[in-house]
Protein backbone atom coordinates (compact mmCIF):
# COMPACT_ATOMS: atom_id res chain seq x y z
CA MET A 1 -40.45 59.51 51.24
CA ALA A 2 -43.46 60.89 53.15
CA ALA A 3 -43.75 57.62 55.17
CA LEU A 4 -40.16 57.74 55.92
CA GLN A 5 -40.26 61.36 57.17
CA ASP A 6 -43.39 60.62 59.18
CA THR A 7 -41.71 57.65 60.84
CA MET A 8 -38.69 59.57 61.72
CA ARG A 9 -40.79 62.38 63.23
CA ARG A 10 -42.95 59.89 65.27
CA LEU A 11 -39.88 58.07 66.69
CA ALA A 12 -38.18 61.37 67.66
CA ILE A 13 -41.29 62.34 69.61
CA GLU A 14 -41.54 58.89 71.27
CA ALA A 15 -37.81 59.02 72.19
CA GLY A 16 -38.22 62.46 73.47
CA ALA A 17 -41.04 61.31 75.79
CA ALA A 18 -38.76 58.55 77.24
CA ILE A 19 -35.92 61.04 77.69
CA MET A 20 -38.10 63.54 79.56
CA ALA A 21 -39.47 60.83 81.87
CA ILE A 22 -35.90 60.31 83.08
CA TYR A 23 -34.95 63.95 82.92
CA GLU A 24 -37.76 64.82 85.40
CA ARG A 25 -36.71 62.21 87.92
CA PRO A 26 -34.59 63.38 90.94
CA ASP A 27 -31.72 61.05 89.99
CA MET A 28 -30.46 59.18 86.95
CA ASP A 29 -27.89 56.53 86.05
CA VAL A 30 -24.79 58.13 84.45
CA ARG A 31 -21.82 56.04 83.22
CA GLU A 32 -18.62 56.76 81.25
CA LYS A 33 -18.06 55.32 77.82
CA SER A 34 -14.73 54.03 76.56
CA ASP A 35 -14.03 57.47 75.08
CA ALA A 36 -14.65 59.13 78.42
CA SER A 37 -17.91 60.75 77.29
CA PRO A 38 -20.97 60.29 79.53
CA VAL A 39 -23.93 58.02 78.62
CA THR A 40 -27.18 57.79 80.59
CA GLU A 41 -30.09 55.56 80.70
CA ALA A 42 -32.03 58.15 78.70
CA ASP A 43 -29.53 57.77 75.82
CA GLU A 44 -29.96 53.99 75.84
CA ALA A 45 -33.86 54.12 76.12
CA ALA A 46 -34.14 56.57 73.24
CA ASP A 47 -31.66 54.44 71.22
CA ARG A 48 -33.91 51.39 71.69
CA ILE A 49 -37.05 53.14 70.64
CA ILE A 50 -35.56 54.68 67.47
CA SER A 51 -33.53 51.64 66.40
CA ALA A 52 -36.48 49.29 66.82
CA GLY A 53 -38.77 51.59 64.95
CA LEU A 54 -36.47 52.29 62.04
CA ARG A 55 -35.49 48.57 61.59
CA ALA A 56 -39.09 47.50 61.72
CA ALA A 57 -40.32 50.07 59.20
CA PHE A 58 -37.27 50.17 56.91
CA PRO A 59 -35.36 46.97 57.30
CA ASP A 60 -33.50 47.43 53.97
CA ILE A 61 -31.90 50.74 55.02
CA ALA A 62 -28.70 50.59 56.96
CA LEU A 63 -28.68 52.11 60.49
CA VAL A 64 -25.90 53.77 62.41
CA THR A 65 -26.48 55.14 65.98
CA GLU A 66 -24.10 56.69 68.43
CA GLU A 67 -24.84 54.12 71.03
CA GLN A 68 -24.15 51.17 68.62
CA ALA A 69 -21.49 52.73 66.39
CA ALA A 70 -18.74 50.39 67.59
CA SER A 71 -20.59 47.45 65.97
CA HIS A 72 -20.95 49.15 62.57
CA ASP A 73 -18.84 48.65 59.49
CA LEU A 74 -20.88 50.81 57.13
CA GLN A 75 -20.80 49.74 53.54
CA ALA A 76 -24.01 51.46 52.32
CA SER A 77 -24.73 54.56 50.23
CA ARG A 78 -28.11 55.07 51.90
CA PHE A 79 -28.38 54.86 55.71
CA PHE A 80 -30.00 56.37 58.68
CA ILE A 81 -27.67 58.07 61.25
CA VAL A 82 -29.04 58.76 64.66
CA ASP A 83 -28.00 60.47 67.92
CA PRO A 84 -30.74 59.44 70.30
CA LEU A 85 -29.68 62.10 72.83
CA ASP A 86 -27.36 64.82 71.53
CA GLY A 87 -26.12 67.01 74.32
CA THR A 88 -25.82 64.44 77.09
CA LYS A 89 -23.80 66.88 79.19
CA GLU A 90 -26.63 69.41 78.93
CA PHE A 91 -29.06 66.69 79.86
CA ILE A 92 -27.08 65.69 82.98
CA LYS A 93 -26.80 69.36 84.10
CA ARG A 94 -30.59 69.65 83.50
CA ARG A 95 -30.19 72.33 80.93
CA GLY A 96 -32.66 72.09 78.08
CA ASP A 97 -30.27 72.30 75.06
CA PHE A 98 -30.38 68.66 74.18
CA THR A 99 -31.96 67.01 71.11
CA VAL A 100 -33.06 63.81 69.43
CA ASN A 101 -31.42 63.63 66.02
CA ILE A 102 -32.49 61.36 63.18
CA ALA A 103 -31.22 61.73 59.59
CA LEU A 104 -31.25 59.90 56.29
CA VAL A 105 -28.08 60.07 54.29
CA GLU A 106 -27.84 59.34 50.59
CA ASP A 107 -24.61 59.24 48.70
CA GLY A 108 -22.87 61.15 51.43
CA VAL A 109 -25.51 63.92 51.77
CA PRO A 110 -28.04 64.22 54.56
CA VAL A 111 -31.38 64.54 52.70
CA GLN A 112 -33.91 64.20 55.46
CA GLY A 113 -33.70 64.99 59.10
CA VAL A 114 -35.54 65.59 62.39
CA VAL A 115 -34.22 67.65 65.33
CA TYR A 116 -36.43 67.55 68.38
CA ALA A 117 -35.65 69.39 71.65
CA PRO A 118 -38.21 68.00 74.07
CA ALA A 119 -37.24 70.13 77.07
CA LYS A 120 -37.52 73.36 74.91
CA GLY A 121 -40.62 72.33 73.10
CA ARG A 122 -39.05 72.91 69.71
CA MET A 123 -39.05 70.56 66.71
CA PHE A 124 -37.47 71.15 63.31
CA HIS A 125 -37.81 68.76 60.40
CA THR A 126 -37.51 68.45 56.64
CA LEU A 127 -40.42 67.78 54.45
CA ALA A 128 -40.75 64.89 52.00
CA GLU A 129 -41.57 67.31 49.18
CA GLY A 130 -38.70 69.56 49.96
CA GLY A 131 -38.00 72.48 52.39
CA ALA A 132 -38.08 72.38 56.14
CA VAL A 133 -40.34 73.59 58.93
CA GLU A 134 -40.54 74.28 62.64
CA GLU A 135 -43.49 72.41 64.09
CA GLN A 136 -45.56 73.88 66.86
CA GLY A 137 -48.18 72.51 69.17
CA ALA A 138 -48.51 69.36 71.22
CA PHE A 139 -46.29 67.14 69.06
CA ASP A 140 -48.76 64.29 68.62
CA PRO A 141 -46.78 61.29 67.39
CA GLU A 142 -49.52 60.42 64.86
CA ALA A 143 -50.37 63.86 63.46
CA THR A 144 -48.21 66.81 62.41
CA GLY A 145 -49.27 70.03 64.03
CA ALA A 146 -49.08 73.61 62.70
CA THR A 147 -45.84 74.35 61.00
CA VAL A 148 -43.77 77.46 60.12
CA PRO A 149 -41.54 77.23 57.04
CA LEU A 150 -37.85 77.58 57.70
CA GLN A 151 -35.85 80.07 55.66
CA MET A 152 -32.43 81.58 56.43
CA ARG A 153 -32.37 85.40 56.70
CA SER A 154 -30.29 87.46 54.27
CA PRO A 155 -27.09 88.19 56.27
CA ASP A 156 -25.55 91.58 56.70
CA ALA A 157 -21.80 91.27 56.22
CA GLY A 158 -21.36 94.22 58.58
CA ALA A 159 -23.57 92.80 61.27
CA LEU A 160 -23.41 89.05 61.33
CA ILE A 161 -25.20 86.99 64.05
CA VAL A 162 -22.97 84.04 65.04
CA VAL A 163 -24.01 81.01 67.02
CA ALA A 164 -21.53 78.94 68.96
CA SER A 165 -21.40 76.05 71.33
CA LYS A 166 -22.27 76.36 75.05
CA SER A 167 -20.09 73.50 76.12
CA HIS A 168 -17.25 73.61 73.51
CA ARG A 169 -16.22 77.31 72.99
CA ASP A 170 -12.46 77.70 72.93
CA ALA A 171 -9.90 80.36 72.13
CA ALA A 172 -9.43 79.14 68.50
CA THR A 173 -13.18 79.54 67.87
CA ASP A 174 -13.27 82.94 69.40
CA ALA A 175 -10.19 84.04 67.40
CA TYR A 176 -11.85 82.90 64.15
CA ILE A 177 -15.12 84.64 64.96
CA ALA A 178 -13.17 87.83 65.69
CA ARG A 179 -12.19 87.98 62.03
CA TYR A 180 -15.73 88.79 61.12
CA THR A 181 -17.89 91.84 61.77
CA VAL A 182 -20.22 90.43 64.34
CA ALA A 183 -23.39 92.22 65.71
CA ASP A 184 -24.47 89.55 68.02
CA MET A 185 -23.43 86.24 69.52
CA ARG A 186 -25.80 83.47 70.41
CA SER A 187 -25.18 80.29 72.34
CA ALA A 188 -26.95 76.96 71.85
CA GLY A 189 -26.25 73.40 72.65
CA SER A 190 -26.26 70.24 70.48
CA SER A 191 -27.68 70.44 66.95
CA LEU A 192 -29.97 73.38 67.79
CA LYS A 193 -27.20 75.63 66.38
CA PHE A 194 -27.97 74.41 62.84
CA CYS A 195 -31.64 75.04 63.48
CA LEU A 196 -31.15 78.60 64.70
CA LEU A 197 -29.54 79.34 61.32
CA ALA A 198 -32.35 77.59 59.49
CA ALA A 199 -34.92 79.65 61.37
CA GLY A 200 -33.25 82.90 60.47
CA GLU A 201 -32.00 83.45 63.97
CA ALA A 202 -28.37 83.45 63.06
CA ASP A 203 -26.17 83.47 60.02
CA PHE A 204 -22.99 81.59 60.83
CA TYR A 205 -21.80 78.74 62.95
CA PRO A 206 -18.09 77.81 62.95
CA ARG A 207 -17.06 74.60 64.70
CA LEU A 208 -13.35 74.16 65.44
CA GLY A 209 -13.69 70.99 67.54
CA ARG A 210 -14.56 67.35 67.56
CA THR A 211 -17.91 66.31 66.24
CA MET A 212 -19.27 63.00 64.89
CA GLU A 213 -21.66 62.48 61.96
CA TRP A 214 -24.57 61.59 64.26
CA ASP A 215 -24.14 65.01 65.96
CA THR A 216 -24.58 66.94 62.76
CA ALA A 217 -26.47 65.03 60.07
CA ALA A 218 -30.00 65.92 61.15
CA GLY A 219 -29.29 69.51 61.71
CA HIS A 220 -27.29 69.68 58.49
CA ALA A 221 -30.35 68.27 56.58
CA VAL A 222 -32.65 70.87 58.11
CA LEU A 223 -30.20 73.68 57.42
CA ALA A 224 -29.72 72.61 53.79
CA ALA A 225 -33.41 72.45 53.25
CA ALA A 226 -33.70 75.98 54.53
CA GLY A 227 -31.01 77.29 52.09
CA GLY A 228 -27.92 76.88 54.14
CA GLU A 229 -24.70 74.90 53.71
CA VAL A 230 -22.05 73.13 55.83
CA LEU A 231 -18.48 73.19 54.58
CA ASP A 232 -15.23 71.53 55.52
CA PHE A 233 -13.32 74.25 57.48
CA ASP A 234 -10.06 73.71 55.61
CA THR A 235 -11.11 72.91 52.10
CA HIS A 236 -14.48 74.63 51.94
CA ALA A 237 -15.88 71.50 50.25
CA PRO A 238 -19.37 70.32 51.28
CA LEU A 239 -19.30 68.28 54.44
CA ARG A 240 -19.78 64.54 53.49
CA TYR A 241 -21.19 61.57 55.54
CA GLY A 242 -20.27 57.87 55.60
CA LYS A 243 -16.66 58.64 56.51
CA PRO A 244 -14.57 55.86 58.14
CA GLY A 245 -15.04 56.16 61.95
CA TYR A 246 -17.79 58.76 61.48
CA ALA A 247 -15.63 61.67 62.65
CA ASN A 248 -16.12 65.11 61.11
CA PRO A 249 -13.47 67.66 60.30
CA PHE A 250 -13.82 71.12 61.61
CA PHE A 251 -16.62 72.83 59.72
CA ILE A 252 -18.49 76.03 59.02
CA ALA A 253 -22.28 76.16 58.77
CA ARG A 254 -23.53 79.34 57.05
CA HIS A 255 -25.79 81.14 54.75
CA PRO A 256 -24.20 80.92 51.29
CA ASP A 257 -23.86 84.83 51.15
CA VAL A 258 -21.60 84.88 54.21
CA ALA A 259 -18.21 85.49 52.72
CA LEU A 260 -15.55 83.17 54.30
CA VAL A 261 -12.35 84.75 55.69
CA THR A 262 -9.30 82.93 54.34
CA GLY A 263 -5.60 83.28 54.71
């Protein structure tokens, strides 16, 4: 498992370097996919690096990536799921809230994950022996730097800190958040929202909007390793992976002590 985690970390850093090389150019190639979402040459470059690296190192583990999802008919209980550039809209607008997401799923549960935000200089990842950390330093692909263990804070039900999307906030999300006693609201893009919870910077993240499994799996793995959970919004059952079409239901990411408002 250590070799697997080290490989995921290294590939995230290498993909991040390729992304930043394009990010720092004055122009970039942006196209529209069949679902009307944008894709850039950075998405594709990162996808090539991660896909080639995972297939070379772990040829027996199935692989799903956002950029190749149309070609997948997943029939595996153990698989990698990758978003090579999560937050493409943030990337195009040259805002730093985009990430590289790599996760390993076993029997529907994301058990290992890496979330790397190269423009922000933040990296979060699980550990092979359990737990999760935020790594600091130069992000050497071959050597892990100093790390800080991740642990969710104990929430105060009368003063919750809620994190929500920068690009996908809507009236339904705001109405749901208003049912809680909130002391502070924080915004973040891409899978960084899960990592803010894991790092004790927020307690609660409701998502009443479209997401795909590759958007959430790596952040979900990091959050779970730090003591959090991700639940189906309607059923409150744990969010599962390997679903047909890879689409997620609405969900709630939280510290387990945050009581859910129902009814």
